[in-house]
Amino acid sequence: MTREDGPIPSASRLRHGRWLLALVPLVLVGGAFFWWQGSDGAVAPEGAPKPTSTPVSDPREGARAPAERSRAAAMAAESAPPSLLSPEAREREARRELWQKRLERAKRSLESYVAATRYPPESRPGREHPDQLELAEPERTRPLSPKAAEDGTSDVQLRLKQDKVFVVGDEAVLFTVACEDSRRAARPCEVVSAMAHEADHLADAGGVPGVPVTFVDSGQGGDAVAGDGMLTGRFQPSKQGFAMFSGTLRVALRVRSGSLEDSAFFDVLYTPAPPATFSGRVREVLEGGSLDLYLPVQVRKAGRYVVSGRLDDEGGVPFAVLSFNEELQEGSQEVKLNVFGKVIRDDKPTFPLTLRDVEGFLLKEMGDPDRELMVTLRGPVHTTREYALEQFSDAEWRSPERDRYKTELEKDVMEAQKQLDAALSDRPEP
């Protein structure tokens, strides 16, 4: 190498070479800087957090429990859209959802059954059976003329009521008929005709001729108040041609209000001679953590008897519905009405309790009607002694049948849980 004014000395060439060698690292570093700045590792804007260094992996991280990996896989599968799952993964997910629903249903079935059977069938809280707290005294209202009501030309309503449905021996039943408008104001009302006869659905209907029934508003013959617009008819089957009849009787009538007239009816179930009668004072016994009320009965016909009664607390508030459903032999027998201990412990009635409105019948295996009625004991029948709540058991009802059903329902829960666990463990790693 030469200069215009002459050759370069060797010492000068050595110094130039050293400078070039010193510049090489700077060039390399600068190039690397500009390449890094244009890549994903570019310098963050001012105020942004500085990138952190890669953490050193924990050697324990690779030893996660399989259950944790399974849960992670499940979360990953659940978070992934169904369209991104493989057919096998979708099938596993469907199986998991199926057994999850079956498990929930099995648990609900078990819980519902246990709750519904914690008391015996013959001793239930009154709140469960509000329709059985009173003796049947049906009352219904309907348009006197359905066509006029539909056309909007009349709002006259027909109100029908009877004081009993079951009639035994020499008992009589009272029927009440009234006409009123939509505001419950009385309207003119007249029973044009009324005839008692066998119900049309009976196989041998027509064997007993029909008899007329008179309806009055005179304050006599069972009518409560004269001239109040409430027409009352009194029907006594044993004295009005049906002394030997057993079954359903229908009282068909025609009712008129002004220019409107239509038909209506009442039904009663009649037994000419009771198969058994209540015959004495109630005996009460505190036993097995419950209160048992024994009603003496004189049985004329042996068979299966169904007896029911209502129980009120000291203030007259309905508390429980009691029933009996067992075979009775002829002669002097006792019907046991059980007041279950846990019903008392759970609802905490105020003693003494009053048993009232006891009714019963002999259940017939064949024929229509399916029963022969006992005379109902209306009103208070027996008042118990006073007891403390602690004298009664808080244990749930037990029976072989309940234990068997409960065991089967528990098996359903365990099987559903087993299948769900298997479906969850079948999840692949994400």
Protein backbone atom coordinates (compact mmCIF):
# COMPACT_ATOMS: atom_id res chain seq x y z
CA MET A 1 0.00 0.00 0.00
CA THR A 2 1.44 3.48 -0.92
CA ARG A 3 0.57 7.01 -0.31
CA GLU A 4 0.67 9.74 -2.95
CA ASP A 5 3.71 11.12 -1.30
CA GLY A 6 5.28 7.66 -0.72
CA PRO A 7 4.87 4.20 0.89
CA ILE A 8 3.24 3.70 4.34
CA PRO A 9 5.65 2.74 7.02
CA SER A 10 5.19 -0.76 8.60
CA ALA A 11 4.55 0.65 12.10
CA SER A 12 1.72 2.79 10.78
CA ARG A 13 0.17 -0.29 9.03
CA LEU A 14 0.26 -2.14 12.35
CA ARG A 15 -1.60 0.62 14.16
CA HIS A 16 -4.33 0.73 11.45
CA GLY A 17 -4.80 -3.05 11.71
CA ARG A 18 -5.28 -2.80 15.49
CA TRP A 19 -8.01 -0.16 15.06
CA LEU A 20 -9.83 -2.32 12.56
CA LEU A 21 -9.73 -5.28 14.95
CA ALA A 22 -11.10 -3.07 17.72
CA LEU A 23 -14.02 -1.96 15.51
CA VAL A 24 -15.15 -5.50 14.65
CA PRO A 25 -16.83 -6.23 18.05
CA LEU A 26 -18.55 -2.85 17.97
CA VAL A 27 -19.97 -3.55 14.52
CA LEU A 28 -21.16 -6.98 15.59
CA VAL A 29 -22.79 -5.64 18.74
CA GLY A 30 -24.44 -2.78 16.88
CA GLY A 31 -25.82 -5.11 14.24
CA ALA A 32 -27.19 -7.40 16.85
CA PHE A 33 -28.80 -4.44 18.62
CA PHE A 34 -30.55 -3.21 15.47
CA TRP A 35 -31.72 -6.79 14.65
CA TRP A 36 -33.11 -7.27 18.17
CA GLN A 37 -34.85 -3.89 18.08
CA GLY A 38 -36.77 -4.87 14.95
CA SER A 39 -37.80 -8.22 16.35
CA ASP A 40 -40.38 -9.27 19.07
CA GLY A 41 -37.87 -8.36 21.69
CA ALA A 42 -37.97 -4.68 20.87
CA VAL A 43 -37.62 -2.16 23.63
CA ALA A 44 -41.00 -1.49 25.30
CA PRO A 45 -42.43 2.00 25.28
CA GLU A 46 -41.59 4.28 28.11
CA GLY A 47 -43.55 3.42 31.25
CA ALA A 48 -44.16 -0.23 30.25
CA PRO A 49 -42.87 -2.90 32.63
CA LYS A 50 -39.48 -4.31 31.81
CA PRO A 51 -39.41 -7.87 30.52
CA THR A 52 -38.54 -10.39 33.15
CA SER A 53 -36.04 -13.09 32.76
CA THR A 54 -37.15 -16.68 32.18
CA PRO A 55 -37.70 -18.34 35.59
CA VAL A 56 -35.68 -21.34 36.47
CA SER A 57 -37.91 -24.41 36.30
CA ASP A 58 -38.74 -26.07 39.59
CA PRO A 59 -37.71 -29.74 39.55
CA ARG A 60 -40.90 -30.51 41.56
CA GLU A 61 -43.06 -29.14 38.72
CA GLY A 62 -42.69 -32.33 36.71
CA ALA A 63 -43.99 -34.38 39.62
CA ARG A 64 -47.55 -33.03 39.63
CA ALA A 65 -50.20 -35.48 40.80
CA PRO A 66 -52.18 -37.24 38.04
CA ALA A 67 -55.36 -35.80 39.52
CA GLU A 68 -54.06 -32.25 38.93
CA ARG A 69 -53.17 -33.10 35.35
CA SER A 70 -56.63 -34.62 34.90
CA ARG A 71 -58.28 -31.46 36.23
CA ALA A 72 -56.14 -29.35 33.96
CA ALA A 73 -57.10 -31.53 31.03
CA ALA A 74 -60.77 -31.20 31.95
CA MET A 75 -60.49 -27.43 32.18
CA ALA A 76 -58.69 -27.29 28.85
CA ALA A 77 -61.35 -29.49 27.23
CA GLU A 78 -64.19 -27.42 28.72
CA SER A 79 -62.62 -24.15 27.62
CA ALA A 80 -62.08 -25.38 24.08
CA PRO A 81 -64.95 -24.77 21.66
CA PRO A 82 -66.77 -28.01 20.70
CA SER A 83 -65.80 -27.45 17.07
CA LEU A 84 -62.11 -27.71 18.03
CA LEU A 85 -62.51 -31.03 19.86
CA SER A 86 -61.80 -34.31 18.20
CA PRO A 87 -64.71 -36.81 17.80
CA GLU A 88 -63.26 -38.88 20.63
CA ALA A 89 -63.05 -35.82 22.89
CA ARG A 90 -66.64 -34.83 22.07
CA GLU A 91 -67.81 -38.34 22.89
CA ARG A 92 -66.00 -38.26 26.23
CA GLU A 93 -67.49 -34.84 27.00
CA ALA A 94 -71.01 -36.07 26.17
CA ARG A 95 -70.51 -39.09 28.42
CA ARG A 96 -69.33 -36.87 31.27
CA GLU A 97 -72.36 -34.57 30.91
CA LEU A 98 -74.71 -37.56 30.77
CA TRP A 99 -73.43 -39.07 34.03
CA GLN A 100 -73.28 -35.68 35.70
CA LYS A 101 -77.01 -35.23 35.03
CA ARG A 102 -77.80 -38.78 36.12
CA LEU A 103 -75.89 -38.26 39.35
CA GLU A 104 -77.83 -35.07 40.11
CA ARG A 105 -81.14 -36.79 39.33
CA ALA A 106 -80.25 -39.80 41.50
CA LYS A 107 -79.36 -37.54 44.42
CA ARG A 108 -82.61 -35.61 44.08
CA SER A 109 -84.61 -38.85 43.99
CA LEU A 110 -82.92 -40.11 47.14
CA GLU A 111 -83.38 -36.83 49.00
CA SER A 112 -87.04 -36.55 47.96
CA TYR A 113 -87.85 -40.10 49.00
CA VAL A 114 -86.13 -39.77 52.38
CA ALA A 115 -87.96 -36.48 53.06
CA ALA A 116 -91.36 -37.85 51.96
CA THR A 117 -91.09 -41.00 54.09
CA ARG A 118 -89.67 -39.66 57.33
CA TYR A 119 -93.17 -40.03 58.78
CA PRO A 120 -95.35 -43.16 58.44
CA PRO A 121 -98.25 -43.07 55.93
CA GLU A 122 -100.84 -43.27 58.72
CA SER A 123 -99.55 -40.22 60.62
CA ARG A 124 -98.92 -37.14 58.51
CA PRO A 125 -98.71 -33.40 59.25
CA GLY A 126 -101.88 -31.54 58.37
CA ARG A 127 -99.94 -29.10 56.19
CA GLU A 128 -99.29 -31.95 53.74
CA HIS A 129 -103.00 -32.64 53.25
CA PRO A 130 -104.97 -29.38 53.43
CA ASP A 131 -107.81 -30.99 51.47
CA GLN A 132 -108.34 -33.58 54.22
CA LEU A 133 -108.50 -31.27 57.22
CA GLU A 134 -112.30 -30.97 57.04
CA LEU A 135 -115.14 -33.35 56.26
CA ALA A 136 -116.36 -33.20 52.68
CA GLU A 137 -118.98 -30.44 52.22
CA PRO A 138 -118.76 -29.70 48.49
CA GLU A 139 -119.63 -26.24 47.24
CA ARG A 140 -119.37 -25.14 43.62
CA THR A 141 -120.42 -22.23 41.43
CA ARG A 142 -121.10 -22.18 37.70
CA PRO A 143 -123.06 -20.05 35.21
CA LEU A 144 -126.77 -20.80 35.33
CA SER A 145 -126.77 -20.59 31.53
CA PRO A 146 -123.33 -21.31 30.01
CA LYS A 147 -124.53 -20.03 26.61
CA ALA A 148 -125.75 -16.72 28.06
CA ALA A 149 -122.49 -16.31 29.95
CA GLU A 150 -120.51 -16.96 26.78
CA ASP A 151 -122.61 -14.45 24.81
CA GLY A 152 -122.28 -11.88 27.62
CA THR A 153 -126.04 -11.54 27.95
CA SER A 154 -126.20 -12.75 31.57
CA ASP A 155 -123.89 -13.00 34.58
CA VAL A 156 -126.22 -15.08 36.77
CA GLN A 157 -124.29 -17.75 38.69
CA LEU A 158 -125.68 -20.89 40.27
CA ARG A 159 -124.26 -21.77 43.71
CA LEU A 160 -124.67 -25.38 44.87
CA LYS A 161 -123.72 -26.80 48.28
CA GLN A 162 -124.34 -29.99 50.31
CA ASP A 163 -123.49 -30.58 53.96
CA LYS A 164 -122.29 -34.18 53.44
CA VAL A 165 -121.43 -36.66 50.73
CA PHE A 166 -121.54 -39.89 52.75
CA VAL A 167 -124.93 -40.82 54.22
CA VAL A 168 -125.51 -43.85 56.46
CA GLY A 169 -128.69 -45.39 57.88
CA ASP A 170 -131.23 -42.79 58.95
CA GLU A 171 -128.98 -39.79 58.27
CA ALA A 172 -130.26 -36.94 56.10
CA VAL A 173 -128.38 -34.60 53.79
CA LEU A 174 -129.14 -30.91 53.16
CA PHE A 175 -128.76 -29.35 49.70
CA THR A 176 -128.61 -25.58 49.15
CA VAL A 177 -129.27 -23.73 45.89
CA ALA A 178 -128.83 -19.99 45.29
CA CYS A 179 -128.65 -17.63 42.31
CA GLU A 180 -126.34 -14.59 42.33
CA ASP A 181 -124.63 -12.19 39.96
CA SER A 182 -120.92 -11.65 39.43
CA ARG A 183 -120.82 -9.36 42.53
CA ARG A 184 -122.34 -12.12 44.71
CA ALA A 185 -125.60 -10.18 44.99
CA ALA A 186 -128.70 -12.41 45.29
CA ARG A 187 -130.87 -12.86 42.20
CA PRO A 188 -134.35 -14.40 41.96
CA CYS A 189 -134.07 -18.17 42.18
CA GLU A 190 -136.53 -21.04 41.89
CA VAL A 191 -136.09 -24.82 41.89
CA VAL A 192 -138.63 -25.85 39.26
CA SER A 193 -138.22 -29.57 39.92
CA ALA A 194 -135.98 -31.98 41.85
CA MET A 195 -135.92 -35.77 41.65
CA ALA A 196 -133.77 -38.31 43.56
CA HIS A 197 -132.84 -41.52 41.74
CA GLU A 198 -130.07 -44.05 41.30
CA ALA A 199 -126.97 -42.66 39.59
CA ASP A 200 -127.04 -43.29 35.85
CA HIS A 201 -123.60 -44.97 35.79
CA LEU A 202 -124.70 -47.89 37.99
CA ALA A 203 -125.08 -51.22 36.18
CA ASP A 204 -128.64 -51.86 37.36
CA ALA A 205 -129.81 -48.24 37.46
CA GLY A 206 -133.56 -47.78 37.27
CA GLY A 207 -134.50 -50.60 39.58
CA VAL A 208 -135.70 -48.12 42.22
CA PRO A 209 -138.22 -45.45 41.14
CA GLY A 210 -137.25 -41.80 41.62
CA VAL A 211 -138.78 -39.65 44.34
CA PRO A 212 -139.29 -35.87 44.46
CA VAL A 213 -137.22 -33.62 46.75
CA THR A 214 -138.70 -30.32 47.92
CA PHE A 215 -136.66 -27.10 48.13
CA VAL A 216 -137.92 -24.26 50.35
CA ASP A 217 -136.84 -20.83 51.61
CA SER A 218 -139.23 -20.77 54.59
CA GLY A 219 -136.85 -21.30 57.49
CA GLN A 220 -138.21 -24.84 57.96
CA GLY A 221 -137.22 -28.36 56.86
CA GLY A 222 -133.53 -27.63 57.34
CA ASP A 223 -133.61 -24.14 55.81
CA ALA A 224 -131.58 -21.79 58.01
CA VAL A 225 -133.15 -18.37 57.30
CA ALA A 226 -136.48 -17.63 55.66
CA GLY A 227 -136.46 -15.34 52.63
CA ASP A 228 -132.68 -15.07 52.25
CA GLY A 229 -132.69 -16.43 48.71
CA MET A 230 -131.04 -19.70 49.79
CA LEU A 231 -133.28 -22.63 48.82
CA THR A 232 -132.79 -25.75 50.95
CA GLY A 233 -133.75 -29.32 50.17
CA ARG A 234 -133.65 -32.12 52.76
CA PHE A 235 -133.14 -35.68 51.57
CA GLN A 236 -133.32 -38.76 53.84
CA PRO A 237 -132.81 -41.90 51.71
CA SER A 238 -134.02 -44.36 54.36
CA LYS A 239 -137.39 -42.52 54.63
CA GLN A 240 -137.78 -41.59 50.97
CA GLY A 241 -137.79 -44.92 49.16
CA PHE A 242 -134.15 -46.04 49.32
CA ALA A 243 -134.03 -47.98 52.61
CA MET A 244 -132.68 -51.13 50.89
CA PHE A 245 -130.44 -49.37 48.37
CA SER A 246 -126.63 -49.19 48.65
CA GLY A 247 -124.61 -46.99 46.30
CA THR A 248 -124.66 -43.58 44.64
CA LEU A 249 -127.87 -41.54 44.56
CA ARG A 250 -128.31 -38.46 42.39
CA VAL A 251 -130.68 -35.56 42.98
CA ALA A 252 -131.32 -33.93 39.59
CA LEU A 253 -132.99 -30.50 39.51
CA ARG A 254 -134.05 -27.67 37.22
CA VAL A 255 -133.30 -24.13 38.39
CA ARG A 256 -134.81 -20.90 37.03
CA SER A 257 -133.81 -17.26 37.46
CA GLY A 258 -135.88 -14.80 35.46
CA SER A 259 -135.93 -16.02 31.86
CA LEU A 260 -132.96 -18.35 32.35
CA GLU A 261 -133.34 -22.01 33.25
CA ASP A 262 -130.91 -24.93 33.37
CA SER A 263 -130.25 -28.28 35.06
CA ALA A 264 -127.94 -29.22 37.95
CA PHE A 265 -127.42 -32.18 40.29
CA PHE A 266 -126.10 -33.43 43.65
CA ASP A 267 -124.58 -36.87 44.35
CA VAL A 268 -124.44 -38.79 47.65
CA LEU A 269 -123.07 -42.21 48.56
CA TYR A 270 -125.54 -44.12 50.69
CA THR A 271 -125.13 -47.19 52.94
CA PRO A 272 -128.36 -48.46 54.53
CA ALA A 273 -126.71 -50.39 57.41
CA PRO A 274 -123.16 -49.70 58.66
CA PRO A 275 -120.76 -52.69 58.68
CA ALA A 276 -119.25 -51.50 62.00
CA THR A 277 -119.85 -48.79 64.60
CA PHE A 278 -117.67 -46.79 66.96
CA SER A 279 -118.70 -48.03 70.37
CA GLY A 280 -116.94 -46.34 73.28
CA ARG A 281 -114.41 -43.93 74.74
CA VAL A 282 -110.93 -43.49 73.26
CA ARG A 283 -107.97 -45.03 75.07
CA GLU A 284 -104.63 -43.18 74.76
CA VAL A 285 -101.17 -44.68 75.33
CA LEU A 286 -97.70 -43.12 75.11
CA GLU A 287 -95.50 -45.87 73.69
CA GLY A 288 -92.37 -46.14 71.54
CA GLY A 289 -91.91 -42.37 71.51
CA SER A 290 -95.34 -41.83 69.91
CA LEU A 291 -98.92 -41.28 71.08
CA ASP A 292 -101.45 -43.99 70.17
CA LEU A 293 -105.21 -43.38 70.29
CA TYR A 294 -107.34 -46.57 70.41
CA LEU A 295 -110.97 -46.28 69.26
CA PRO A 296 -113.26 -49.16 70.28
CA VAL A 297 -115.27 -50.56 67.36
CA GLN A 298 -118.06 -53.12 67.16
CA VAL A 299 -117.54 -54.97 63.87
CA ARG A 300 -120.53 -56.59 62.16
CA LYS A 301 -118.73 -57.51 58.92
CA ALA A 302 -115.10 -58.65 58.96
CA GLY A 303 -112.74 -57.18 56.38
CA ARG A 304 -110.32 -54.34 55.63
CA TYR A 305 -111.35 -51.08 57.28
CA VAL A 306 -110.10 -47.61 56.47
CA VAL A 307 -110.55 -45.07 59.28
CA SER A 308 -109.34 -41.46 59.38
CA GLY A 309 -109.44 -38.59 61.87
CA ARG A 310 -108.20 -35.02 62.28
CA LEU A 311 -106.09 -33.73 65.15
CA ASP A 312 -106.05 -30.08 66.32
CA ASP A 313 -103.78 -28.37 68.81
CA GLU A 314 -105.00 -26.57 71.93
CA GLY A 315 -105.91 -23.46 69.93
CA GLY A 316 -107.99 -25.41 67.42
CA VAL A 317 -105.37 -25.18 64.67
CA PRO A 318 -105.29 -28.33 62.49
CA PHE A 319 -102.14 -30.28 63.28
CA ALA A 320 -102.22 -33.81 61.83
CA VAL A 321 -104.22 -36.25 59.71
CA LEU A 322 -104.36 -39.79 61.15
CA SER A 323 -105.45 -42.96 59.40
CA PHE A 324 -105.90 -46.70 59.91
CA ASN A 325 -105.91 -49.34 57.16
CA GLU A 326 -105.99 -52.91 58.45
CA GLU A 327 -108.09 -56.05 58.67
CA LEU A 328 -110.66 -56.30 61.48
CA GLN A 329 -112.44 -59.42 62.64
CA GLU A 330 -116.05 -59.59 63.78
CA GLY A 331 -116.84 -58.53 67.34
CA SER A 332 -115.29 -55.94 69.65
CA GLN A 333 -112.09 -54.54 68.16
CA GLU A 334 -109.87 -51.46 68.48
CA VAL A 335 -108.73 -49.08 65.76
CA LYS A 336 -105.32 -47.55 66.48
CA LEU A 337 -104.65 -43.99 65.30
CA ASN A 338 -100.94 -43.25 65.70
CA VAL A 339 -99.61 -39.74 66.37
CA PHE A 340 -95.99 -40.24 65.28
CA GLY A 341 -93.36 -38.82 67.61
CA LYS A 342 -91.31 -37.00 64.97
CA VAL A 343 -94.43 -35.26 63.63
CA ILE A 344 -94.94 -33.84 67.13
CA ARG A 345 -91.25 -32.94 67.54
CA ASP A 346 -91.09 -31.22 64.15
CA ASP A 347 -94.36 -29.25 64.27
CA LYS A 348 -94.41 -28.62 68.05
CA PRO A 349 -98.19 -28.44 68.69
CA THR A 350 -99.55 -27.05 71.95
CA PHE A 351 -101.13 -29.74 74.13
CA PRO A 352 -103.73 -30.98 74.79
CA LEU A 353 -104.64 -32.22 71.31
CA THR A 354 -108.22 -32.83 70.14
CA LEU A 355 -109.27 -35.69 67.89
CA ARG A 356 -112.30 -34.79 65.75
CA ASP A 357 -114.36 -35.77 62.70
CA VAL A 358 -113.56 -39.49 62.59
CA GLU A 359 -114.94 -41.40 59.59
CA GLY A 360 -114.47 -44.92 58.28
CA PHE A 361 -115.63 -47.57 55.85
CA LEU A 362 -115.28 -51.23 54.94
CA LEU A 363 -113.32 -51.55 51.71
CA LYS A 364 -114.89 -53.97 49.23
CA GLU A 365 -112.72 -55.91 46.79
CA MET A 366 -115.32 -55.90 44.01
CA GLY A 367 -118.47 -54.09 42.96
CA ASP A 368 -119.80 -50.56 42.84
CA PRO A 369 -119.73 -48.89 45.25
CA ASP A 370 -116.31 -50.00 46.52
CA ARG A 371 -117.17 -49.38 50.19
CA GLU A 372 -119.72 -49.66 52.97
CA LEU A 373 -119.80 -46.61 55.21
CA MET A 374 -119.58 -46.29 58.99
CA VAL A 375 -121.46 -43.50 60.75
CA THR A 376 -119.10 -40.49 61.00
CA LEU A 377 -118.23 -39.13 64.45
CA ARG A 378 -118.64 -35.42 63.79
CA GLY A 379 -117.00 -32.79 66.00
CA PRO A 380 -114.66 -33.43 68.98
CA VAL A 381 -114.19 -37.10 69.83
CA HIS A 382 -111.33 -37.11 72.35
CA THR A 383 -108.98 -34.66 74.09
CA THR A 384 -105.53 -35.92 75.06
CA ARG A 385 -103.58 -35.30 78.22
CA GLU A 386 -100.76 -32.76 78.28
CA TYR A 387 -97.26 -33.92 77.31
CA ALA A 388 -93.81 -32.36 76.97
CA LEU A 389 -92.12 -32.47 73.56
CA GLU A 390 -89.16 -34.30 75.10
CA GLN A 391 -91.41 -37.30 75.78
CA PHE A 392 -91.62 -38.03 72.04
CA SER A 393 -88.99 -39.56 69.76
CA ASP A 394 -87.26 -37.53 67.07
CA ALA A 395 -86.33 -40.64 65.06
CA GLU A 396 -87.50 -41.04 61.48
CA TRP A 397 -89.93 -43.78 60.54
CA ARG A 398 -88.37 -47.14 59.68
CA SER A 399 -89.82 -50.09 57.81
CA PRO A 400 -88.40 -52.94 55.70
CA GLU A 401 -89.98 -51.43 52.60
CA ARG A 402 -88.51 -47.97 53.24
CA ASP A 403 -85.06 -49.42 53.95
CA ARG A 404 -85.22 -51.45 50.74
CA TYR A 405 -86.20 -48.48 48.56
CA LYS A 406 -83.64 -46.24 50.23
CA THR A 407 -80.88 -48.81 49.63
CA GLU A 408 -81.78 -49.07 45.95
CA LEU A 409 -81.75 -45.28 45.53
CA GLU A 410 -78.38 -45.09 47.29
CA LYS A 411 -77.06 -47.69 44.83
CA ASP A 412 -78.21 -45.48 41.96
CA VAL A 413 -76.27 -42.56 43.42
CA MET A 414 -73.10 -44.64 43.88
CA GLU A 415 -73.32 -46.10 40.37
CA ALA A 416 -73.78 -42.65 38.81
CA GLN A 417 -70.82 -41.32 40.83
CA LYS A 418 -68.69 -44.27 39.74
CA GLN A 419 -69.50 -43.73 36.06
CA LEU A 420 -68.86 -39.99 36.34
CA ASP A 421 -65.47 -40.58 37.96
CA ALA A 422 -64.58 -42.99 35.16
CA ALA A 423 -65.63 -40.46 32.53
CA LEU A 424 -63.50 -37.75 34.17
CA SER A 425 -60.43 -39.98 34.45
CA ASP A 426 -60.73 -40.80 30.74
CA ARG A 427 -59.78 -37.24 29.80
CA PRO A 428 -56.60 -36.94 27.66
CA GLU A 429 -53.77 -34.57 28.52
CA PRO A 430 -54.22 -31.11 26.94
